[in-house]
N, C-alpha and C. Protein backbone atom coordinates (compact mmCIF):
# COMPACT_ATOMS: atom_id res chain seq x y z
N MET A 1 19.62 -0.37 -13.15
CA MET A 1 20.08 0.94 -12.72
C MET A 1 18.93 1.94 -12.84
N MET A 2 18.64 2.64 -11.77
CA MET A 2 17.55 3.61 -11.78
C MET A 2 18.09 5.01 -12.09
N VAL A 3 17.48 5.66 -13.04
CA VAL A 3 17.89 7.01 -13.44
C VAL A 3 17.05 8.02 -12.66
N GLU A 4 17.71 8.99 -12.09
CA GLU A 4 17.02 10.05 -11.34
C GLU A 4 16.26 10.94 -12.33
N PRO A 5 14.99 11.22 -12.09
CA PRO A 5 14.22 12.08 -13.00
C PRO A 5 14.79 13.50 -13.03
N SER A 6 14.69 14.14 -14.18
CA SER A 6 15.18 15.52 -14.33
C SER A 6 14.21 16.53 -13.75
N TRP A 7 12.91 16.24 -13.83
CA TRP A 7 11.91 17.18 -13.33
C TRP A 7 10.68 16.41 -12.85
N TRP A 8 9.83 17.11 -12.13
CA TRP A 8 8.64 16.51 -11.53
C TRP A 8 7.41 17.37 -11.81
N SER A 9 6.28 16.72 -12.04
CA SER A 9 5.01 17.45 -12.09
C SER A 9 4.37 17.31 -10.72
N MET A 10 3.69 18.36 -10.29
CA MET A 10 3.07 18.37 -8.97
C MET A 10 1.70 19.00 -9.06
N ARG A 11 0.77 18.46 -8.28
CA ARG A 11 -0.55 19.08 -8.20
C ARG A 11 -1.16 18.76 -6.85
N PRO A 12 -2.01 19.67 -6.36
CA PRO A 12 -2.69 19.40 -5.08
C PRO A 12 -3.63 18.22 -5.23
N ALA A 13 -3.80 17.48 -4.17
CA ALA A 13 -4.70 16.33 -4.18
C ALA A 13 -5.35 16.19 -2.81
N SER A 14 -6.40 15.44 -2.77
CA SER A 14 -7.03 15.10 -1.49
C SER A 14 -7.64 13.72 -1.61
N ASN A 15 -7.58 12.98 -0.54
CA ASN A 15 -8.17 11.64 -0.53
C ASN A 15 -9.67 11.77 -0.47
N LEU A 16 -10.36 11.39 -1.50
CA LEU A 16 -11.82 11.41 -1.49
C LEU A 16 -12.38 10.05 -1.08
N LYS A 17 -11.50 9.11 -0.89
CA LYS A 17 -11.91 7.79 -0.42
C LYS A 17 -11.04 7.44 0.79
N PRO A 18 -11.48 6.55 1.61
CA PRO A 18 -10.69 6.22 2.81
C PRO A 18 -9.49 5.32 2.48
N ALA A 19 -8.57 5.83 1.67
CA ALA A 19 -7.36 5.08 1.30
C ALA A 19 -6.18 5.63 2.10
N THR A 20 -5.18 4.82 2.28
CA THR A 20 -3.99 5.25 3.00
C THR A 20 -2.80 5.22 2.06
N TYR A 21 -2.00 6.28 2.08
CA TYR A 21 -0.80 6.36 1.26
C TYR A 21 0.39 6.60 2.18
N ARG A 22 1.59 6.26 1.70
CA ARG A 22 2.81 6.50 2.47
C ARG A 22 3.63 7.55 1.73
N CYS A 23 4.06 8.57 2.46
CA CYS A 23 4.86 9.66 1.89
C CYS A 23 6.25 9.13 1.52
N PRO A 24 6.73 9.37 0.28
CA PRO A 24 8.05 8.88 -0.11
C PRO A 24 9.20 9.64 0.55
N PHE A 25 8.93 10.79 1.13
CA PHE A 25 9.99 11.59 1.74
C PHE A 25 10.23 11.25 3.20
N CYS A 26 9.15 11.11 3.98
CA CYS A 26 9.31 10.85 5.41
C CYS A 26 8.93 9.42 5.80
N GLY A 27 8.25 8.70 4.91
CA GLY A 27 7.87 7.32 5.19
C GLY A 27 6.65 7.17 6.06
N LYS A 28 6.05 8.27 6.48
CA LYS A 28 4.87 8.21 7.33
C LYS A 28 3.61 8.13 6.47
N HIS A 29 2.53 7.64 7.07
CA HIS A 29 1.25 7.52 6.37
C HIS A 29 0.57 8.88 6.25
N LEU A 30 -0.13 9.08 5.14
CA LEU A 30 -0.99 10.25 4.99
C LEU A 30 -2.35 9.86 5.55
N ALA A 31 -2.90 10.71 6.36
CA ALA A 31 -4.20 10.41 6.97
C ALA A 31 -5.28 10.34 5.89
N SER A 32 -6.23 9.46 6.10
CA SER A 32 -7.36 9.35 5.17
C SER A 32 -8.09 10.67 5.07
N MET A 33 -8.57 10.98 3.87
CA MET A 33 -9.36 12.19 3.60
C MET A 33 -8.57 13.48 3.85
N SER A 34 -7.25 13.44 3.80
CA SER A 34 -6.44 14.64 4.05
C SER A 34 -5.95 15.24 2.73
N GLU A 35 -5.68 16.55 2.74
CA GLU A 35 -5.10 17.20 1.57
C GLU A 35 -3.61 16.90 1.53
N HIS A 36 -3.10 16.71 0.32
CA HIS A 36 -1.69 16.41 0.14
C HIS A 36 -1.29 16.78 -1.29
N VAL A 37 -0.10 16.38 -1.72
CA VAL A 37 0.40 16.70 -3.06
C VAL A 37 0.64 15.40 -3.81
N LEU A 38 0.26 15.40 -5.08
CA LEU A 38 0.51 14.26 -5.96
C LEU A 38 1.69 14.64 -6.84
N ILE A 39 2.77 13.85 -6.80
CA ILE A 39 3.97 14.14 -7.60
C ILE A 39 4.18 13.00 -8.59
N ALA A 40 4.72 13.34 -9.77
CA ALA A 40 5.01 12.34 -10.80
C ALA A 40 6.33 12.70 -11.47
N PRO A 41 7.27 11.76 -11.56
CA PRO A 41 8.54 12.05 -12.22
C PRO A 41 8.36 12.21 -13.72
N GLU A 42 8.79 13.35 -14.24
CA GLU A 42 8.72 13.67 -15.67
C GLU A 42 7.35 13.36 -16.25
N ASP A 43 6.32 13.67 -15.50
CA ASP A 43 4.92 13.54 -15.91
C ASP A 43 4.50 12.09 -16.17
N ASP A 44 5.24 11.12 -15.64
CA ASP A 44 4.90 9.70 -15.80
C ASP A 44 3.86 9.34 -14.75
N ARG A 45 2.60 9.36 -15.15
CA ARG A 45 1.49 9.13 -14.21
C ARG A 45 1.53 7.74 -13.58
N SER A 46 2.17 6.78 -14.23
CA SER A 46 2.22 5.43 -13.66
C SER A 46 3.13 5.36 -12.44
N LYS A 47 4.02 6.36 -12.28
CA LYS A 47 4.94 6.37 -11.14
C LYS A 47 4.61 7.48 -10.14
N ARG A 48 3.37 7.94 -10.16
CA ARG A 48 2.99 9.04 -9.27
C ARG A 48 3.01 8.58 -7.81
N ARG A 49 3.27 9.54 -6.92
CA ARG A 49 3.32 9.28 -5.49
C ARG A 49 2.56 10.36 -4.75
N HIS A 50 2.00 9.99 -3.61
CA HIS A 50 1.29 10.92 -2.74
C HIS A 50 2.25 11.33 -1.62
N ALA A 51 2.32 12.64 -1.33
CA ALA A 51 3.26 13.12 -0.32
C ALA A 51 2.64 14.24 0.51
N HIS A 52 3.17 14.40 1.73
CA HIS A 52 2.74 15.51 2.58
C HIS A 52 3.14 16.84 1.94
N MET A 53 2.32 17.86 2.09
CA MET A 53 2.63 19.18 1.54
C MET A 53 3.93 19.72 2.14
N ASP A 54 4.12 19.55 3.45
CA ASP A 54 5.34 20.04 4.10
C ASP A 54 6.59 19.33 3.59
N CYS A 55 6.49 18.03 3.36
CA CYS A 55 7.64 17.27 2.85
C CYS A 55 8.02 17.73 1.45
N VAL A 56 7.02 17.97 0.61
CA VAL A 56 7.28 18.44 -0.76
C VAL A 56 7.90 19.83 -0.72
N GLN A 57 7.39 20.69 0.15
CA GLN A 57 7.93 22.04 0.26
C GLN A 57 9.40 22.00 0.69
N ARG A 58 9.74 21.15 1.65
CA ARG A 58 11.14 21.03 2.09
C ARG A 58 12.02 20.50 0.96
N ALA A 59 11.54 19.52 0.21
CA ALA A 59 12.32 18.96 -0.90
C ALA A 59 12.53 20.00 -1.99
N ARG A 60 11.51 20.81 -2.26
CA ARG A 60 11.64 21.88 -3.28
C ARG A 60 12.63 22.93 -2.82
N GLN A 61 12.59 23.31 -1.55
CA GLN A 61 13.53 24.31 -1.04
C GLN A 61 14.97 23.79 -1.09
N ALA A 62 15.14 22.48 -0.95
CA ALA A 62 16.47 21.88 -1.01
C ALA A 62 16.92 21.65 -2.46
N GLY A 63 16.03 21.91 -3.43
CA GLY A 63 16.38 21.76 -4.84
C GLY A 63 16.27 20.34 -5.38
N ARG A 64 15.61 19.44 -4.64
CA ARG A 64 15.51 18.05 -5.06
C ARG A 64 14.27 17.75 -5.90
N LEU A 65 13.39 18.73 -6.10
CA LEU A 65 12.12 18.48 -6.79
C LEU A 65 11.83 19.61 -7.79
N PRO A 66 12.67 19.78 -8.83
CA PRO A 66 12.41 20.88 -9.77
C PRO A 66 11.21 20.59 -10.67
N THR A 67 10.50 21.64 -11.04
CA THR A 67 9.40 21.51 -11.99
C THR A 67 9.98 21.48 -13.41
N ARG A 68 9.15 21.19 -14.39
CA ARG A 68 9.61 21.15 -15.78
C ARG A 68 10.13 22.52 -16.21
N ASP A 69 9.41 23.58 -15.87
CA ASP A 69 9.84 24.93 -16.25
C ASP A 69 11.18 25.29 -15.63
N GLU A 70 11.39 24.94 -14.36
CA GLU A 70 12.66 25.22 -13.70
C GLU A 70 13.79 24.43 -14.34
N TRP A 71 13.53 23.17 -14.69
CA TRP A 71 14.54 22.33 -15.32
C TRP A 71 14.90 22.88 -16.71
N LEU A 72 13.89 23.28 -17.50
CA LEU A 72 14.16 23.84 -18.83
C LEU A 72 14.97 25.12 -18.73
N ALA A 73 14.63 25.99 -17.79
CA ALA A 73 15.37 27.24 -17.63
C ALA A 73 16.83 26.97 -17.26
N ALA A 74 17.07 25.95 -16.47
CA ALA A 74 18.43 25.63 -16.04
C ALA A 74 19.24 24.95 -17.15
N THR A 75 18.60 24.23 -18.05
CA THR A 75 19.33 23.50 -19.08
C THR A 75 19.44 24.23 -20.41
N ARG A 76 18.59 25.20 -20.66
CA ARG A 76 18.60 25.91 -21.94
C ARG A 76 19.66 26.99 -22.02
N GLY A 77 20.03 27.56 -20.91
CA GLY A 77 20.96 28.67 -20.93
C GLY A 77 20.22 29.97 -21.16
N PRO A 78 20.96 31.06 -21.35
CA PRO A 78 20.30 32.36 -21.50
C PRO A 78 19.51 32.46 -22.81
N ARG A 79 18.42 33.17 -22.76
CA ARG A 79 17.59 33.38 -23.95
C ARG A 79 18.24 34.44 -24.83
N PRO A 80 18.23 34.26 -26.17
CA PRO A 80 18.81 35.27 -27.05
C PRO A 80 18.08 36.61 -26.92
N SER A 81 18.80 37.68 -27.18
CA SER A 81 18.20 39.01 -27.09
C SER A 81 17.15 39.20 -28.18
N LEU A 82 16.33 40.22 -28.03
CA LEU A 82 15.29 40.51 -29.02
C LEU A 82 15.91 40.78 -30.39
N GLY A 83 17.01 41.52 -30.41
CA GLY A 83 17.68 41.81 -31.68
C GLY A 83 18.17 40.55 -32.38
N ALA A 84 18.73 39.63 -31.62
CA ALA A 84 19.21 38.37 -32.20
C ALA A 84 18.05 37.55 -32.76
N ARG A 85 16.94 37.56 -32.06
CA ARG A 85 15.77 36.81 -32.56
C ARG A 85 15.22 37.46 -33.82
N LEU A 86 15.18 38.79 -33.89
CA LEU A 86 14.68 39.48 -35.08
C LEU A 86 15.60 39.25 -36.27
N ARG A 87 16.92 39.24 -36.04
CA ARG A 87 17.86 38.98 -37.14
C ARG A 87 17.62 37.59 -37.72
N GLY A 88 17.23 36.65 -36.90
CA GLY A 88 16.97 35.29 -37.37
C GLY A 88 15.72 35.19 -38.23
N LEU A 89 14.82 36.18 -38.14
CA LEU A 89 13.59 36.16 -38.92
C LEU A 89 13.79 36.69 -40.34
N LEU A 90 14.84 37.47 -40.57
CA LEU A 90 15.07 38.07 -41.88
C LEU A 90 16.13 37.27 -42.64
N PRO A 91 15.71 36.48 -43.62
CA PRO A 91 16.69 35.67 -44.36
C PRO A 91 17.61 36.54 -45.22
N GLY A 92 18.90 36.35 -45.07
CA GLY A 92 19.87 37.03 -45.92
C GLY A 92 20.12 38.48 -45.58
N ARG A 93 19.40 39.09 -44.66
CA ARG A 93 19.62 40.49 -44.30
C ARG A 93 19.92 40.58 -42.82
N ARG A 94 20.79 41.49 -42.50
CA ARG A 94 21.11 41.74 -41.10
C ARG A 94 20.63 43.13 -40.74
N LEU A 95 20.07 43.29 -39.57
CA LEU A 95 19.56 44.59 -39.14
C LEU A 95 20.66 45.59 -38.84
N ASP A 96 21.86 45.12 -38.52
CA ASP A 96 22.93 46.04 -38.14
C ASP A 96 23.78 46.48 -39.33
N GLU A 97 23.40 46.14 -40.54
CA GLU A 97 24.18 46.56 -41.72
C GLU A 97 23.67 47.87 -42.26
């Protein structure tokens, strides 16, 4: 059973050697020596894939390729207020007393 990754790392890439890659989104080949995007599920470099910039942009707009920061923001919930964080720094004392 394959588990869908929660987040993806992405970085710009370019073929510096005459290698051919296949985009995981559209299935078409990336032209040799072309600029593209390198994506890796949950920063697992062994599973990285090369993709067209346009394909990655469409997947991101559709919400299928969240970054780590976007995933953390969605799973953590709202951040505590400044007052709540300050109260946590003072052991045994409350600022509102």
